[in-house]
C-alpha atoms as a PDB file:
ATOM      1  CA  UNK A   1       6.533 115.383 239.078  1.00  0.00           C
ATOM      2  CA  UNK A   2       3.105 113.862 238.933  1.00  0.00           C
ATOM      3  CA  UNK A   3       1.185 113.574 242.085  1.00  0.00           C
ATOM      4  CA  UNK A   4      -1.475 110.959 242.764  1.00  0.00           C
ATOM      5  CA  UNK A   5      -5.047 112.442 242.605  1.00  0.00           C
ATOM      6  CA  UNK A   6      -4.035 115.579 241.053  1.00  0.00           C
ATOM      7  CA  UNK A   7      -5.893 117.294 238.100  1.00  0.00           C
ATOM      8  CA  UNK A   8      -2.420 116.932 235.916  1.00  0.00           C
ATOM      9  CA  UNK A   9      -2.258 113.103 236.202  1.00  0.00           C
ATOM     10  CA  UNK A  10      -6.145 112.829 235.605  1.00  0.00           C
ATOM     11  CA  UNK A  11      -5.182 112.660 231.765  1.00  0.00           C
ATOM     12  CA  UNK A  12      -2.876 109.440 232.425  1.00  0.00           C
ATOM     13  CA  UNK A  13      -4.077 105.738 233.557  1.00  0.00           C
ATOM     14  CA  UNK A  14      -2.144 104.504 236.591  1.00  0.00           C
ATOM     15  CA  UNK A  15      -0.318 102.228 234.459  1.00  0.00           C
ATOM     16  CA  UNK A  16       1.064 105.001 232.221  1.00  0.00           C
ATOM     17  CA  UNK A  17       1.851 107.279 235.319  1.00  0.00           C
ATOM     18  CA  UNK A  18       3.905 104.295 236.495  1.00  0.00           C
ATOM     19  CA  UNK A  19       5.378 104.064 233.357  1.00  0.00           C
ATOM     20  CA  UNK A  20       6.581 107.725 233.323  1.00  0.00           C
ATOM     21  CA  UNK A  21       8.718 106.752 236.572  1.00  0.00           C
ATOM     22  CA  UNK A  22      11.028 104.450 234.360  1.00  0.00           C
ATOM     23  CA  UNK A  23      11.594 102.041 237.317  1.00  0.00           C
ATOM     24  CA  UNK A  24      14.642  99.700 236.596  1.00  0.00           C
ATOM     25  CA  UNK A  25      14.662  96.231 237.903  1.00  0.00           C
ATOM     26  CA  UNK A  26      17.038  97.196 241.028  1.00  0.00           C
ATOM     27  CA  UNK A  27      14.259  99.730 242.006  1.00  0.00           C
ATOM     28  CA  UNK A  28      11.639  97.453 241.523  1.00  0.00           C
ATOM     29  CA  UNK A  29      13.290  94.867 243.799  1.00  0.00           C
ATOM     30  CA  UNK A  30      13.690  97.596 246.567  1.00  0.00           C
ATOM     31  CA  UNK A  31      10.095  98.484 246.298  1.00  0.00           C
ATOM     32  CA  UNK A  32       9.220  94.832 246.903  1.00  0.00           C
ATOM     33  CA  UNK A  33      11.613  94.452 249.793  1.00  0.00           C
ATOM     34  CA  UNK A  34      10.399  97.711 251.216  1.00  0.00           C
ATOM     35  CA  UNK A  35       6.759  96.370 251.135  1.00  0.00           C
ATOM     36  CA  UNK A  36       8.067  93.130 252.459  1.00  0.00           C
ATOM     37  CA  UNK A  37       9.626  94.646 255.562  1.00  0.00           C
ATOM     38  CA  UNK A  38       6.294  96.394 256.144  1.00  0.00           C
ATOM     39  CA  UNK A  39       4.500  93.058 256.463  1.00  0.00           C
ATOM     40  CA  UNK A  40       3.064  92.779 252.826  1.00  0.00           C
ATOM     41  CA  UNK A  41       2.938  89.386 251.449  1.00  0.00           C
ATOM     42  CA  UNK A  42       5.254  90.039 248.492  1.00  0.00           C
ATOM     43  CA  UNK A  43       6.818  86.549 248.168  1.00  0.00           C
ATOM     44  CA  UNK A  44       9.976  86.515 245.915  1.00  0.00           C
ATOM     45  CA  UNK A  45      11.705  90.025 245.632  1.00  0.00           C
ATOM     46  CA  UNK A  46      12.635  89.437 241.964  1.00  0.00           C
ATOM     47  CA  UNK A  47      12.064  92.892 240.530  1.00  0.00           C
ATOM     48  CA  UNK A  48       8.910  91.352 238.452  1.00  0.00           C
ATOM     49  CA  UNK A  49       5.561  93.068 239.178  1.00  0.00           C
ATOM     50  CA  UNK A  50       2.987  90.160 238.960  1.00  0.00           C
ATOM     51  CA  UNK A  51      -0.397  89.738 240.452  1.00  0.00           C
ATOM     52  CA  UNK A  52       0.819  89.472 244.031  1.00  0.00           C
ATOM     53  CA  UNK A  53       3.128  92.409 243.978  1.00  0.00           C
ATOM     54  CA  UNK A  54       0.063  94.605 242.607  1.00  0.00           C
ATOM     55  CA  UNK A  55      -2.424  93.354 245.050  1.00  0.00           C
ATOM     56  CA  UNK A  56      -0.071  94.129 247.829  1.00  0.00           C
ATOM     57  CA  UNK A  57       0.802  97.693 246.334  1.00  0.00           C
ATOM     58  CA  UNK A  58      -3.035  98.100 246.037  1.00  0.00           C
ATOM     59  CA  UNK A  59      -3.241  97.216 249.900  1.00  0.00           C
ATOM     60  CA  UNK A  60      -0.327  99.650 250.869  1.00  0.00           C
ATOM     61  CA  UNK A  61      -2.120 102.499 248.954  1.00  0.00           C
ATOM     62  CA  UNK A  62      -5.361 101.748 250.877  1.00  0.00           C
ATOM     63  CA  UNK A  63      -3.650 101.931 254.129  1.00  0.00           C
ATOM     64  CA  UNK A  64      -2.338 105.382 253.139  1.00  0.00           C
ATOM     65  CA  UNK A  65      -5.696 106.311 252.015  1.00  0.00           C
ATOM     66  CA  UNK A  66      -4.464 106.620 248.319  1.00  0.00           C
ATOM     67  CA  UNK A  67      -6.342 105.377 245.135  1.00  0.00           C
ATOM     68  CA  UNK A  68      -5.688 101.439 245.441  1.00  0.00           C
ATOM     69  CA  UNK A  69      -4.530 101.524 241.643  1.00  0.00           C
ATOM     70  CA  UNK A  70      -1.831  98.596 242.377  1.00  0.00           C
ATOM     71  CA  UNK A  71       0.453 101.016 240.303  1.00  0.00           C
ATOM     72  CA  UNK A  72       3.230 103.305 241.455  1.00  0.00           C
ATOM     73  CA  UNK A  73       3.264 107.005 241.547  1.00  0.00           C
ATOM     74  CA  UNK A  74       6.133 109.455 243.317  1.00  0.00           C
ATOM     75  CA  UNK A  75       3.520 109.837 246.350  1.00  0.00           C
ATOM     76  CA  UNK A  76       3.783 106.262 246.946  1.00  0.00           C
ATOM     77  CA  UNK A  77       7.353 105.825 246.388  1.00  0.00           C
ATOM     78  CA  UNK A  78       8.030 108.728 248.516  1.00  0.00           C
ATOM     79  CA  UNK A  79       6.026 107.034 251.321  1.00  0.00           C
ATOM     80  CA  UNK A  80       8.041 103.988 251.027  1.00  0.00           C
ATOM     81  CA  UNK A  81      11.157 106.104 251.027  1.00  0.00           C
ATOM     82  CA  UNK A  82      12.494 104.843 247.782  1.00  0.00           C
ATOM     83  CA  UNK A  83      15.563 106.767 246.746  1.00  0.00           C
ATOM     84  CA  UNK A  84      14.999 107.512 243.063  1.00  0.00           C
ATOM     85  CA  UNK A  85      11.837 108.651 241.566  1.00  0.00           C
ATOM     86  CA  UNK A  86      12.400 109.543 237.668  1.00  0.00           C
ATOM     87  CA  UNK A  87      10.116 111.599 235.137  1.00  0.00           C
ATOM     88  CA  UNK A  88      11.364 112.203 231.743  1.00  0.00           C
ATOM     89  CA  UNK A  89      14.936 113.348 231.852  1.00  0.00           C
ATOM     90  CA  UNK A  90      14.795 114.428 235.587  1.00  0.00           C
ATOM     91  CA  UNK A  91      15.558 112.133 238.322  1.00  0.00           C
ATOM     92  CA  UNK A  92      14.400 113.118 242.044  1.00  0.00           C
ATOM     93  CA  UNK A  93      15.018 111.239 245.190  1.00  0.00           C
ATOM     94  CA  UNK A  94      12.395 111.199 247.914  1.00  0.00           C
ATOM     95  CA  UNK A  95      10.133 114.229 248.314  1.00  0.00           C
ATOM     96  CA  UNK A  96      11.456 115.257 251.741  1.00  0.00           C
ATOM     97  CA  UNK A  97      15.373 115.259 253.063  1.00  0.00           C
ATOM     98  CA  UNK A  98      16.282 111.772 254.300  1.00  0.00           C
ATOM     99  CA  UNK A  99      19.141 109.879 255.484  1.00  0.00           C
ATOM    100  CA  UNK A 100      21.042 107.332 253.241  1.00  0.00           C
ATOM    101  CA  UNK A 101      23.230 104.580 254.232  1.00  0.00           C
ATOM    102  CA  UNK A 102      25.862 104.337 251.479  1.00  0.00           C
ATOM    103  CA  UNK A 103      25.958 100.482 251.855  1.00  0.00           C
ATOM    104  CA  UNK A 104      22.289 100.160 251.496  1.00  0.00           C
ATOM    105  CA  UNK A 105      22.464 102.145 248.129  1.00  0.00           C
ATOM    106  CA  UNK A 106      25.233 100.350 246.622  1.00  0.00           C
ATOM    107  CA  UNK A 107      23.544  97.925 243.842  1.00  0.00           C
ATOM    108  CA  UNK A 108      20.730  99.782 243.951  1.00  0.00           C
ATOM    109  CA  UNK A 109      21.878 103.240 243.050  1.00  0.00           C
ATOM    110  CA  UNK A 110      24.007 103.203 239.829  1.00  0.00           C
ATOM    111  CA  UNK A 111      25.168 106.842 239.845  1.00  0.00           C
ATOM    112  CA  UNK A 112      28.544 107.077 241.757  1.00  0.00           C
ATOM    113  CA  UNK A 113      28.219 110.530 242.353  1.00  0.00           C
ATOM    114  CA  UNK A 114      25.037 110.131 244.616  1.00  0.00           C
ATOM    115  CA  UNK A 115      27.233 107.545 246.637  1.00  0.00           C
ATOM    116  CA  UNK A 116      30.008 110.156 246.826  1.00  0.00           C
ATOM    117  CA  UNK A 117      27.801 112.802 248.109  1.00  0.00           C
ATOM    118  CA  UNK A 118      26.180 110.514 250.666  1.00  0.00           C
ATOM    119  CA  UNK A 119      29.529 109.245 251.991  1.00  0.00           C
ATOM    120  CA  UNK A 120      30.714 112.806 252.234  1.00  0.00           C
ATOM    121  CA  UNK A 121      28.021 114.237 254.498  1.00  0.00           C
ATOM    122  CA  UNK A 122      27.393 111.308 256.750  1.00  0.00           C
ATOM    123  CA  UNK A 123      24.404 111.594 259.333  1.00  0.00           C
ATOM    124  CA  UNK A 124      23.032 114.341 257.070  1.00  0.00           C
ATOM    125  CA  UNK A 125      19.446 114.257 255.569  1.00  0.00           C
ATOM    126  CA  UNK A 126      19.641 114.893 251.635  1.00  0.00           C
ATOM    127  CA  UNK A 127      17.510 115.407 248.717  1.00  0.00           C
ATOM    128  CA  UNK A 128      19.180 114.795 245.383  1.00  0.00           C
ATOM    129  CA  UNK A 129      18.049 115.191 241.773  1.00  0.00           C
ATOM    130  CA  UNK A 130      19.645 115.175 238.236  1.00  0.00           C
ATOM    131  CA  UNK A 131      19.072 117.924 235.671  1.00  0.00           C
ATOM    132  CA  UNK A 132      20.994 117.791 232.229  1.00  0.00           C
ATOM    133  CA  UNK A 133      23.425 115.286 233.412  1.00  0.00           C
ATOM    134  CA  UNK A 134      24.320 117.261 236.545  1.00  0.00           C
ATOM    135  CA  UNK A 135      23.773 116.039 240.243  1.00  0.00           C
ATOM    136  CA  UNK A 136      22.214 118.418 242.717  1.00  0.00           C
ATOM    137  CA  UNK A 137      22.401 117.611 246.255  1.00  0.00           C
ATOM    138  CA  UNK A 138      20.197 119.709 248.931  1.00  0.00           C
ATOM    139  CA  UNK A 139      21.864 119.072 252.292  1.00  0.00           C
ATOM    140  CA  UNK A 140      19.680 119.654 255.510  1.00  0.00           C
ATOM    141  CA  UNK A 141      22.163 121.023 257.948  1.00  0.00           C
ATOM    142  CA  UNK A 142      19.901 120.950 260.909  1.00  0.00           C
ATOM    143  CA  UNK A 143      21.001 124.112 262.647  1.00  0.00           C
ATOM    144  CA  UNK A 144      22.068 127.149 261.070  1.00  0.00           C
ATOM    145  CA  UNK A 145      24.925 127.216 258.638  1.00  0.00           C
ATOM    146  CA  UNK A 146      26.733 130.268 256.833  1.00  0.00           C
ATOM    147  CA  UNK A 147      27.643 130.265 253.105  1.00  0.00           C
ATOM    148  CA  UNK A 148      31.521 129.995 253.991  1.00  0.00           C
ATOM    149  CA  UNK A 149      30.675 126.959 255.979  1.00  0.00           C
ATOM    150  CA  UNK A 150      28.483 125.213 253.260  1.00  0.00           C
ATOM    151  CA  UNK A 151      30.960 125.950 250.509  1.00  0.00           C
ATOM    152  CA  UNK A 152      33.714 124.410 252.841  1.00  0.00           C
ATOM    153  CA  UNK A 153      31.724 121.514 253.013  1.00  0.00           C
ATOM    154  CA  UNK A 154      31.129 121.459 249.481  1.00  0.00           C
ATOM    155  CA  UNK A 155      35.068 121.706 248.701  1.00  0.00           C
ATOM    156  CA  UNK A 156      35.622 118.615 251.183  1.00  0.00           C
ATOM    157  CA  UNK A 157      33.070 116.657 249.172  1.00  0.00           C
ATOM    158  CA  UNK A 158      35.435 117.517 245.988  1.00  0.00           C
ATOM    159  CA  UNK A 159      32.828 119.824 244.472  1.00  0.00           C
ATOM    160  CA  UNK A 160      31.128 123.317 245.090  1.00  0.00           C
ATOM    161  CA  UNK A 161      27.809 124.781 245.691  1.00  0.00           C
ATOM    162  CA  UNK A 162      25.485 125.014 243.036  1.00  0.00           C
ATOM    163  CA  UNK A 163      25.782 127.191 239.908  1.00  0.00           C
ATOM    164  CA  UNK A 164      22.671 128.068 238.315  1.00  0.00           C
ATOM    165  CA  UNK A 165      22.800 129.337 234.420  1.00  0.00           C
ATOM    166  CA  UNK A 166      19.257 129.450 233.097  1.00  0.00           C
ATOM    167  CA  UNK A 167      15.623 129.776 234.274  1.00  0.00           C
ATOM    168  CA  UNK A 168      14.870 126.136 233.653  1.00  0.00           C
ATOM    169  CA  UNK A 169      17.889 125.070 235.725  1.00  0.00           C
ATOM    170  CA  UNK A 170      16.979 127.657 238.631  1.00  0.00           C
ATOM    171  CA  UNK A 171      13.487 126.257 238.510  1.00  0.00           C
ATOM    172  CA  UNK A 172      14.580 122.776 238.736  1.00  0.00           C
ATOM    173  CA  UNK A 173      17.122 123.320 241.793  1.00  0.00           C
ATOM    174  CA  UNK A 174      14.276 125.283 243.566  1.00  0.00           C
ATOM    175  CA  UNK A 175      11.740 122.209 243.173  1.00  0.00           C
ATOM    176  CA  UNK A 176      14.166 120.001 244.993  1.00  0.00           C
ATOM    177  CA  UNK A 177      13.915 121.887 248.131  1.00  0.00           C
ATOM    178  CA  UNK A 178      10.308 123.175 247.892  1.00  0.00           C
ATOM    179  CA  UNK A 179       8.506 120.006 249.493  1.00  0.00           C
ATOM    180  CA  UNK A 180      10.496 119.808 252.670  1.00  0.00           C
ATOM    181  CA  UNK A 181       9.708 123.119 254.976  1.00  0.00           C
ATOM    182  CA  UNK A 182      12.750 122.249 257.245  1.00  0.00           C
ATOM    183  CA  UNK A 183      15.292 123.566 254.667  1.00  0.00           C
ATOM    184  CA  UNK A 184      14.093 127.037 255.200  1.00  0.00           C
ATOM    185  CA  UNK A 185      14.722 129.665 257.645  1.00  0.00           C
ATOM    186  CA  UNK A 186      11.330 131.574 258.137  1.00  0.00           C
ATOM    187  CA  UNK A 187      11.289 134.648 259.774  1.00  0.00           C
ATOM    188  CA  UNK A 188       9.086 137.909 260.250  1.00  0.00           C
ATOM    189  CA  UNK A 189      10.554 141.405 260.278  1.00  0.00           C
ATOM    190  CA  UNK A 190       9.941 144.762 259.091  1.00  0.00           C
ATOM    191  CA  UNK A 191       6.197 144.079 258.304  1.00  0.00           C
ATOM    192  CA  UNK A 192       7.135 140.985 256.196  1.00  0.00           C
ATOM    193  CA  UNK A 193       7.562 137.214 256.318  1.00  0.00           C
ATOM    194  CA  UNK A 194      10.950 136.048 254.948  1.00  0.00           C
ATOM    195  CA  UNK A 195      11.684 132.377 253.553  1.00  0.00           C
ATOM    196  CA  UNK A 196      15.456 131.966 253.253  1.00  0.00           C
ATOM    197  CA  UNK A 197      17.507 129.204 251.853  1.00  0.00           C
ATOM    198  CA  UNK A 198      19.189 127.001 250.754  1.00  0.00           C
ATOM    199  CA  UNK A 199      22.580 128.377 249.843  1.00  0.00           C
ATOM    200  CA  UNK A 200      23.863 128.538 246.279  1.00  0.00           C
ATOM    201  CA  UNK A 201      27.420 128.951 244.932  1.00  0.00           C
ATOM    202  CA  UNK A 202      26.849 132.812 244.291  1.00  0.00           C
ATOM    203  CA  UNK A 203      29.159 135.425 246.045  1.00  0.00           C
ATOM    204  CA  UNK A 204      30.269 139.029 245.429  1.00  0.00           C
ATOM    205  CA  UNK A 205      33.849 139.985 244.791  1.00  0.00           C
ATOM    206  CA  UNK A 206      34.840 142.416 247.625  1.00  0.00           C
ATOM    207  CA  UNK A 207      35.922 144.845 244.857  1.00  0.00           C
ATOM    208  CA  UNK A 208      32.518 144.695 243.211  1.00  0.00           C
ATOM    209  CA  UNK A 209      30.482 147.822 242.999  1.00  0.00           C
ATOM    210  CA  UNK A 210      27.401 147.491 245.426  1.00  0.00           C
ATOM    211  CA  UNK A 211      24.894 146.167 244.904  1.00  0.00           C
ATOM    212  CA  UNK A 212      24.977 144.453 241.610  1.00  0.00           C
ATOM    213  CA  UNK A 213      28.688 144.704 240.342  1.00  0.00           C
ATOM    214  CA  UNK A 214      31.068 141.741 240.888  1.00  0.00           C
ATOM    215  CA  UNK A 215      28.990 138.642 241.472  1.00  0.00           C
ATOM    216  CA  UNK A 216      30.229 135.362 240.759  1.00  0.00           C
ATOM    217  CA  UNK A 217      29.947 131.668 240.820  1.00  0.00           C
ATOM    218  CA  UNK A 218      32.270 129.548 243.279  1.00  0.00           C
ATOM    219  CA  UNK A 219      33.246 127.241 240.268  1.00  0.00           C
ATOM    220  CA  UNK A 220      34.220 130.521 238.358  1.00  0.00           C
ATOM    221  CA  UNK A 221      31.744 129.836 235.585  1.00  0.00           C
ATOM    222  CA  UNK A 222      30.409 133.032 233.821  1.00  0.00           C
ATOM    223  CA  UNK A 223      27.748 134.916 235.685  1.00  0.00           C
ATOM    224  CA  UNK A 224      25.205 135.361 232.922  1.00  0.00           C
ATOM    225  CA  UNK A 225      21.945 134.480 234.481  1.00  0.00           C
ATOM    226  CA  UNK A 226      20.300 135.781 237.461  1.00  0.00           C
ATOM    227  CA  UNK A 227      17.119 135.430 239.516  1.00  0.00           C
ATOM    228  CA  UNK A 228      17.062 138.237 242.152  1.00  0.00           C
ATOM    229  CA  UNK A 229      14.086 138.895 244.187  1.00  0.00           C
ATOM    230  CA  UNK A 230      12.280 142.363 243.838  1.00  0.00           C
ATOM    231  CA  UNK A 231      14.594 145.115 244.701  1.00  0.00           C
ATOM    232  CA  UNK A 232      17.474 142.551 245.428  1.00  0.00           C
ATOM    233  CA  UNK A 233      20.372 142.626 245.650  1.00  0.00           C
ATOM    234  CA  UNK A 234      20.391 145.500 247.782  1.00  0.00           C
ATOM    235  CA  UNK A 235      23.442 145.447 250.376  1.00  0.00           C
ATOM    236  CA  UNK A 236      20.808 145.757 253.113  1.00  0.00           C
ATOM    237  CA  UNK A 237      23.958 145.507 255.611  1.00  0.00           C
ATOM    238  CA  UNK A 238      27.523 145.705 254.772  1.00  0.00           C
ATOM    239  CA  UNK A 239      28.999 142.323 253.674  1.00  0.00           C
ATOM    240  CA  UNK A 240      25.745 141.025 252.116  1.00  0.00           C
ATOM    241  CA  UNK A 241      27.877 139.316 249.485  1.00  0.00           C
ATOM    242  CA  UNK A 242      26.521 135.753 249.696  1.00  0.00           C
ATOM    243  CA  UNK A 243      23.625 134.372 247.437  1.00  0.00           C
ATOM    244  CA  UNK A 244      20.837 132.254 248.690  1.00  0.00           C
ATOM    245  CA  UNK A 245      17.276 131.141 247.460  1.00  0.00           C
ATOM    246  CA  UNK A 246      14.770 133.873 249.019  1.00  0.00           C
ATOM    247  CA  UNK A 247      11.366 134.930 248.998  1.00  0.00           C
ATOM    248  CA  UNK A 248       9.212 137.403 251.189  1.00  0.00           C
ATOM    249  CA  UNK A 249       5.720 138.556 251.348  1.00  0.00           C
ATOM    250  CA  UNK A 250       3.700 141.233 253.287  1.00  0.00           C
ATOM    251  CA  UNK A 251       2.300 140.558 256.708  1.00  0.00           C
ATOM    252  CA  UNK A 252       2.458 137.203 258.825  1.00  0.00           C
ATOM    253  CA  UNK A 253       1.897 134.185 256.322  1.00  0.00           C
ATOM    254  CA  UNK A 254       2.387 130.698 256.299  1.00  0.00           C
ATOM    255  CA  UNK A 255       5.250 130.131 254.207  1.00  0.00           C
ATOM    256  CA  UNK A 256       5.331 126.489 254.028  1.00  0.00           C
ATOM    257  CA  UNK A 257       3.921 126.079 250.745  1.00  0.00           C
ATOM    258  CA  UNK A 258       4.923 129.109 249.193  1.00  0.00           C
ATOM    259  CA  UNK A 259       7.331 128.202 246.211  1.00  0.00           C
ATOM    260  CA  UNK A 260      10.237 130.302 245.406  1.00  0.00           C
ATOM    261  CA  UNK A 261      12.812 130.716 242.659  1.00  0.00           C
ATOM    262  CA  UNK A 262      14.182 134.058 243.642  1.00  0.00           C
ATOM    263  CA  UNK A 263      17.440 135.127 245.363  1.00  0.00           C
ATOM    264  CA  UNK A 264      18.787 137.434 248.002  1.00  0.00           C
ATOM    265  CA  UNK A 265      22.039 138.503 249.001  1.00  0.00           C
ATOM    266  CA  UNK A 266      23.219 137.690 252.381  1.00  0.00           C
ATOM    267  CA  UNK A 267      26.123 138.337 254.893  1.00  0.00           C
ATOM    268  CA  UNK A 268      28.677 136.042 256.209  1.00  0.00           C
ATOM    269  CA  UNK A 269      26.811 135.836 259.697  1.00  0.00           C
ATOM    270  CA  UNK A 270      23.456 134.978 258.139  1.00  0.00           C
ATOM    271  CA  UNK A 271      22.318 131.367 258.333  1.00  0.00           C
ATOM    272  CA  UNK A 272      19.874 129.150 256.953  1.00  0.00           C
ATOM    273  CA  UNK A 273      19.253 125.316 257.214  1.00  0.00           C
ATOM    274  CA  UNK A 274      20.292 123.966 253.970  1.00  0.00           C
ATOM    275  CA  UNK A 275      22.565 124.247 251.074  1.00  0.00           C
ATOM    276  CA  UNK A 276      22.895 122.814 247.460  1.00  0.00           C
ATOM    277  CA  UNK A 277      25.848 121.228 246.191  1.00  0.00           C
ATOM    278  CA  UNK A 278      26.396 120.317 242.377  1.00  0.00           C
ATOM    279  CA  UNK A 279      28.356 117.368 241.010  1.00  0.00           C
ATOM    280  CA  UNK A 280      29.306 117.638 237.414  1.00  0.00           C
END
């Protein structure tokens, strides 16, 4: 995802940056409507970005302290709380978990799986993304939630916790959660700061040889890829049979900007604040 004002975007013109978002007419209308509701003089919300819309986008960017280009990037859209931001073959919702109303999304969101996900976790804030045609939904639970509770919710939604089978897929799923610190349970202990969550659909068969034997995916897909954190899994305590995203570092550290793509084995009583569902 390209961010306004970053070096990676410096090689692209503002118009090219917006072009990479591949905004559809429905999204353009939603952008115009969002600006109009904020008091900007958009006029007709027709999905066409003429001089008036470009001028008002620039005014909005100025109010945010962003470059006044009049063209959109994912940062501008995230501040407008626009549901979908697309770059290439990947599709992201806003950069922070937010609560969606399924009625508001109808006619704007064409992926029926998104509507299903929103409908099955009402009053929960989510971030969603599409990778290789699979929809991943990170749910911000609020309080702590165990692996089994998360998997039960996924089953009620007609699906399962996320199955990850490649490094690229793992990086994508992790990137969905990274920008919202509320999705993680951050603690300090044993001389390290720990960043935990969200849960994924990984669990260990009770008969599996500890610590690495018998790991399985909740949807029974073959377990042929792993991204364990250093010295994990380690069965730190009996029953550490469930997988989540996890990282740690020595000392007391601000972990809000520390990215993680690694996993740890956790127990049935352990909790974090989020989980990832996958819809095929």
